Amino acid sequence: MALALLAVGCRTAPEEAGGEDPTDSMPDEIAVVTAQEWPEQLDYFETRAPGSALPDGETCAHWVLSTPSEENRPENTEQNTTTVEVTVDIDGAFGGWNERLAPRVVGDFTGNTEQILRWVACKWGFDEDITRARAVTESSWLMSTAGDVTDDVELCDLLDLEAPCAQSYGLLQVKGTVHGGTYPFTTLSTAFGAEYAMAWLRACFEGSFTWLADDGYAAGDEWGCVGAWFSGEWWDEAAGGYVDEVRGHLRDESWLDY
């Protein structure tokens, strides 16, 4: 099921953050490799270093769907089979990075919950088990999860909701009051919400978030970016605690309990 909708994000890295635009050292386009160009099929998706070529969505879909998988969260079926046409910016990324990364956020994949998590891990170049563990931490793999409830009327107004309201939605809990234009689409389409979250992680991992530079931020720190998704800061106490929780689920492979 496809929904033709349009939302435009309005949040980008603040100009007053200072520092050089990191796009100066970035290629004009993200290198995308098709199945015909890739040397072999990937059966497990690992984290790809900053600057690496990334598979296209169609290639990732082919690889993911070639591996048998059963739905362990049938409650997600409607959202798993819904796609949306949405245009959003990646919050916190410099404009040049949005020009390169944001157009890849299309959420045009349908499948079961595990297949969607593997698809976004493949397309955005991240370890699939870390992605599984993040989804355990955020939502227990349930699309109905709504978090970060607030009584702040102004925040709820941003989502056209009455206070109190939840701010975060979907498998990876995209915070609609921060990631402009993502709500309500993150409640409607599993693939869109998961893909936006992974695009944000890639922007962080590539070195786009120079507004964190004073805190020691640098490209290539995957766990630092995982923690920043939760806390909005670079390796602060909240980020560290969150990373520990994700690592615990990764170690225990907690998703196998579903």
Protein backbone atom coordinates (compact mmCIF):
# COMPACT_ATOMS: atom_id res chain seq x y z
CA MET A 1 0.00 0.00 0.00
CA ALA A 2 1.45 3.36 -1.00
CA LEU A 3 0.45 6.76 0.35
CA ALA A 4 1.29 9.81 -1.75
CA LEU A 5 2.18 12.42 0.84
CA LEU A 6 4.63 15.31 1.07
CA ALA A 7 6.37 16.80 4.06
CA VAL A 8 9.30 19.19 3.99
CA GLY A 9 11.77 19.20 6.86
CA CYS A 10 12.90 22.59 8.09
CA ARG A 11 15.75 21.81 10.45
CA THR A 12 19.38 21.85 9.33
CA ALA A 13 22.68 22.45 11.05
CA PRO A 14 22.70 26.03 12.38
CA GLU A 15 24.92 28.41 10.44
CA GLU A 16 26.14 29.90 13.68
CA ALA A 17 27.72 26.59 14.63
CA GLY A 18 30.89 27.73 12.89
CA GLY A 19 33.61 25.60 11.35
CA GLU A 20 34.15 24.61 7.75
CA ASP A 21 31.41 23.01 5.73
CA PRO A 22 32.36 19.30 5.74
CA THR A 23 31.02 18.92 2.20
CA ASP A 24 34.25 20.49 0.99
CA SER A 25 35.95 17.10 1.31
CA MET A 26 32.99 15.02 0.16
CA PRO A 27 32.32 13.74 -3.38
CA ASP A 28 29.63 15.54 -5.37
CA GLU A 29 27.46 12.42 -5.11
CA ILE A 30 27.26 9.40 -2.84
CA ALA A 31 28.81 6.44 -4.65
CA VAL A 32 25.96 3.97 -5.16
CA VAL A 33 26.66 0.47 -6.44
CA THR A 34 24.10 -1.73 -8.18
CA ALA A 35 23.86 -5.51 -8.03
CA GLN A 36 25.49 -5.80 -11.46
CA GLU A 37 28.51 -3.84 -10.23
CA TRP A 38 28.88 -5.48 -6.81
CA PRO A 39 31.41 -8.35 -6.83
CA GLU A 40 29.27 -10.74 -4.79
CA GLN A 41 25.98 -10.97 -2.93
CA LEU A 42 26.16 -9.87 0.68
CA ASP A 43 24.54 -12.27 3.14
CA TYR A 44 25.43 -10.21 6.23
CA PHE A 45 25.57 -6.43 6.26
CA GLU A 46 28.46 -4.84 8.09
CA THR A 47 29.31 -1.23 8.82
CA ARG A 48 30.94 0.46 5.85
CA ALA A 49 33.58 3.11 6.58
CA PRO A 50 32.97 6.81 5.91
CA GLY A 51 33.30 7.54 2.21
CA SER A 52 32.48 3.97 1.19
CA ALA A 53 30.19 3.17 -1.71
CA LEU A 54 26.72 2.10 -0.62
CA PRO A 55 24.39 -0.41 -2.29
CA ASP A 56 21.26 0.96 -3.88
CA GLY A 57 17.85 0.16 -2.41
CA GLU A 58 16.90 -2.26 -5.17
CA THR A 59 20.08 -4.27 -4.65
CA CYS A 60 19.51 -4.39 -0.89
CA ALA A 61 15.92 -5.50 -1.44
CA HIS A 62 17.11 -8.35 -3.67
CA TRP A 63 19.67 -9.50 -1.11
CA VAL A 64 17.27 -9.25 1.84
CA LEU A 65 14.36 -10.99 0.14
CA SER A 66 16.58 -13.84 -1.02
CA THR A 67 16.98 -14.92 2.63
CA PRO A 68 13.90 -16.64 4.15
CA SER A 69 12.48 -14.75 7.13
CA GLU A 70 9.31 -15.01 9.18
CA GLU A 71 7.38 -12.13 10.75
CA ASN A 72 7.86 -12.08 14.52
CA ARG A 73 5.86 -8.90 15.03
CA PRO A 74 2.57 -9.38 13.13
CA GLU A 75 1.28 -6.24 14.85
CA ASN A 76 3.46 -4.28 12.39
CA THR A 77 1.95 -5.76 9.23
CA GLU A 78 0.00 -2.68 8.12
CA GLN A 79 2.94 -0.30 8.56
CA ASN A 80 5.35 -2.85 7.05
CA THR A 81 3.32 -2.94 3.85
CA THR A 82 2.82 0.83 3.57
CA THR A 83 5.17 3.21 1.77
CA VAL A 84 4.97 6.99 1.71
CA GLU A 85 6.33 9.60 -0.66
CA VAL A 86 7.94 12.11 1.69
CA THR A 87 10.70 14.69 1.30
CA VAL A 88 12.55 15.65 4.47
CA ASP A 89 15.90 17.07 5.44
CA ILE A 90 18.22 15.24 7.80
CA ASP A 91 18.21 17.17 11.05
CA GLY A 92 21.59 18.61 12.01
CA ALA A 93 23.29 17.90 8.68
CA PHE A 94 24.82 20.69 6.65
CA GLY A 95 22.92 21.59 3.51
CA GLY A 96 25.47 19.95 1.27
CA TRP A 97 25.06 16.68 3.10
CA ASN A 98 21.31 16.91 2.79
CA GLU A 99 21.70 17.38 -0.95
CA ARG A 100 23.66 14.13 -1.11
CA LEU A 101 21.96 11.96 1.49
CA ALA A 102 18.36 13.11 1.97
CA PRO A 103 17.20 12.18 -1.58
CA ARG A 104 18.03 8.54 -0.77
CA VAL A 105 15.39 8.50 1.99
CA VAL A 106 12.46 7.07 0.06
CA GLY A 107 11.22 4.20 2.23
CA ASP A 108 10.09 2.29 -0.84
CA PHE A 109 10.50 -1.22 0.57
CA THR A 110 7.91 -3.56 2.03
CA GLY A 111 8.53 -6.78 3.90
CA ASN A 112 8.41 -8.16 7.40
CA THR A 113 9.96 -6.35 10.36
CA GLU A 114 13.33 -8.09 10.22
CA GLN A 115 13.57 -7.63 6.47
CA ILE A 116 12.98 -3.91 6.80
CA LEU A 117 15.65 -3.56 9.48
CA ARG A 118 18.11 -5.51 7.32
CA TRP A 119 17.19 -3.44 4.26
CA VAL A 120 17.94 -0.12 5.95
CA ALA A 121 21.16 -1.51 7.44
CA CYS A 122 22.23 -2.60 3.96
CA LYS A 123 21.23 0.61 2.18
CA TRP A 124 22.88 2.92 4.69
CA GLY A 125 25.97 0.80 5.35
CA PHE A 126 25.60 -0.27 8.97
CA ASP A 127 25.92 -3.53 10.88
CA GLU A 128 22.61 -5.35 10.78
CA ASP A 129 22.88 -6.80 14.29
CA ILE A 130 23.60 -3.38 15.79
CA THR A 131 20.53 -2.15 13.91
CA ARG A 132 18.47 -5.02 15.34
CA ALA A 133 19.75 -4.22 18.84
CA ARG A 134 18.94 -0.53 18.47
CA ALA A 135 15.37 -1.41 17.51
CA VAL A 136 15.10 -3.65 20.60
CA THR A 137 16.23 -0.76 22.80
CA GLU A 138 13.97 1.79 21.17
CA SER A 139 10.72 -0.09 20.59
CA SER A 140 11.05 -3.84 21.20
CA TRP A 141 10.44 -3.99 17.42
CA LEU A 142 6.89 -2.68 17.80
CA MET A 143 5.69 0.07 15.48
CA SER A 144 3.01 1.07 17.98
CA THR A 145 5.66 2.34 20.40
CA ALA A 146 5.29 6.05 21.17
CA GLY A 147 7.83 7.67 23.47
CA ASP A 148 9.18 10.92 24.91
CA VAL A 149 5.79 12.02 26.20
CA THR A 150 5.66 15.74 27.01
CA ASP A 151 3.21 18.19 28.54
CA ASP A 152 4.80 21.06 26.61
CA VAL A 153 2.02 22.61 24.52
CA GLU A 154 4.45 24.26 22.11
CA LEU A 155 6.20 20.98 21.36
CA CYS A 156 2.90 19.19 20.82
CA ASP A 157 1.81 22.01 18.52
CA LEU A 158 4.75 21.18 16.26
CA LEU A 159 3.08 17.82 15.62
CA ASP A 160 -0.46 19.19 15.56
CA LEU A 161 -1.22 17.16 18.68
CA GLU A 162 -2.82 18.11 21.97
CA ALA A 163 -0.73 18.00 25.13
CA PRO A 164 0.30 15.69 26.58
CA CYS A 165 1.69 14.01 23.48
CA ALA A 166 4.34 11.52 22.46
CA GLN A 167 7.19 12.92 20.39
CA SER A 168 8.94 9.74 19.15
CA TYR A 169 7.56 7.01 16.91
CA GLY A 170 8.45 3.85 15.03
CA LEU A 171 11.00 1.06 15.35
CA LEU A 172 13.88 3.48 15.91
CA GLN A 173 11.80 6.18 17.63
CA VAL A 174 12.23 9.17 15.35
CA LYS A 175 11.52 12.27 17.43
CA GLY A 176 9.10 14.32 15.40
CA THR A 177 9.68 17.53 17.35
CA VAL A 178 13.35 17.40 16.38
CA HIS A 179 13.28 15.72 12.98
CA GLY A 180 11.02 18.11 11.14
CA GLY A 181 8.50 16.70 8.69
CA THR A 182 8.84 13.07 9.77
CA TYR A 183 5.59 12.89 11.77
CA PRO A 184 3.02 11.40 11.16
CA PHE A 185 4.75 9.39 8.44
CA THR A 186 6.88 7.52 10.98
CA THR A 187 3.64 6.10 12.39
CA LEU A 188 2.38 5.01 8.97
CA SER A 189 5.38 3.38 7.29
CA THR A 190 7.98 1.20 8.99
CA ALA A 191 10.43 1.56 6.12
CA PHE A 192 10.27 5.35 6.01
CA GLY A 193 10.89 5.84 9.73
CA ALA A 194 13.69 3.29 9.88
CA GLU A 195 15.32 4.69 6.75
CA TYR A 196 15.27 8.27 8.04
CA ALA A 197 16.90 7.17 11.30
CA MET A 198 19.64 5.34 9.41
CA ALA A 199 20.21 8.27 7.05
CA TRP A 200 20.71 10.47 10.11
CA LEU A 201 23.22 7.94 11.47
CA ARG A 202 25.11 7.93 8.16
CA ALA A 203 25.26 11.74 8.12
CA CYS A 204 26.69 11.63 11.64
CA PHE A 205 29.11 8.82 10.77
CA GLU A 206 30.41 10.62 7.68
CA GLY A 207 31.38 13.68 9.72
CA SER A 208 28.51 16.03 8.90
CA PHE A 209 27.64 17.11 12.46
CA THR A 210 30.40 19.65 12.99
CA TRP A 211 28.21 21.47 15.53
CA LEU A 212 29.39 18.72 17.92
CA ALA A 213 33.07 19.38 17.20
CA ASP A 214 33.75 21.11 20.52
CA ASP A 215 32.81 17.87 22.30
CA GLY A 216 35.34 15.75 20.43
CA TYR A 217 33.08 14.62 17.60
CA ALA A 218 34.73 13.07 14.56
CA ALA A 219 33.70 10.93 11.63
CA GLY A 220 33.85 7.17 11.91
CA ASP A 221 32.63 6.69 15.49
CA GLU A 222 29.54 4.51 15.01
CA TRP A 223 28.80 4.09 18.71
CA GLY A 224 29.22 7.79 19.32
CA CYS A 225 26.58 8.42 16.66
CA VAL A 226 24.30 5.75 18.15
CA GLY A 227 24.53 7.53 21.50
CA ALA A 228 23.94 10.94 19.93
CA TRP A 229 20.71 9.67 18.35
CA PHE A 230 19.41 9.18 21.89
CA SER A 231 20.84 12.13 23.80
CA GLY A 232 21.57 14.72 21.12
CA GLU A 233 25.05 15.11 22.60
CA TRP A 234 28.44 13.54 21.97
CA TRP A 235 29.34 10.88 24.50
CA ASP A 236 27.59 12.55 27.42
CA GLU A 237 26.37 10.42 30.32
CA ALA A 238 22.96 9.77 28.75
CA ALA A 239 24.55 8.70 25.46
CA GLY A 240 26.92 6.35 27.25
CA GLY A 241 24.10 4.71 29.18
CA TYR A 242 22.10 4.24 26.01
CA VAL A 243 25.07 2.73 24.18
CA ASP A 244 25.56 0.28 27.06
CA GLU A 245 21.94 -0.81 26.75
CA VAL A 246 22.19 -1.33 23.00
CA ARG A 247 25.43 -3.26 23.43
CA GLY A 248 23.72 -5.47 26.00
CA HIS A 249 20.96 -6.36 23.55
CA LEU A 250 23.58 -6.92 20.87
CA ARG A 251 25.52 -9.30 23.13
CA ASP A 252 22.37 -11.19 24.16
CA GLU A 253 20.76 -11.11 20.71
CA SER A 254 17.59 -10.09 22.51
CA TRP A 255 15.54 -9.92 19.29
CA LEU A 256 15.60 -13.72 19.15
CA ASP A 257 13.18 -13.72 22.10
CA TYR A 258 10.40 -12.19 19.98
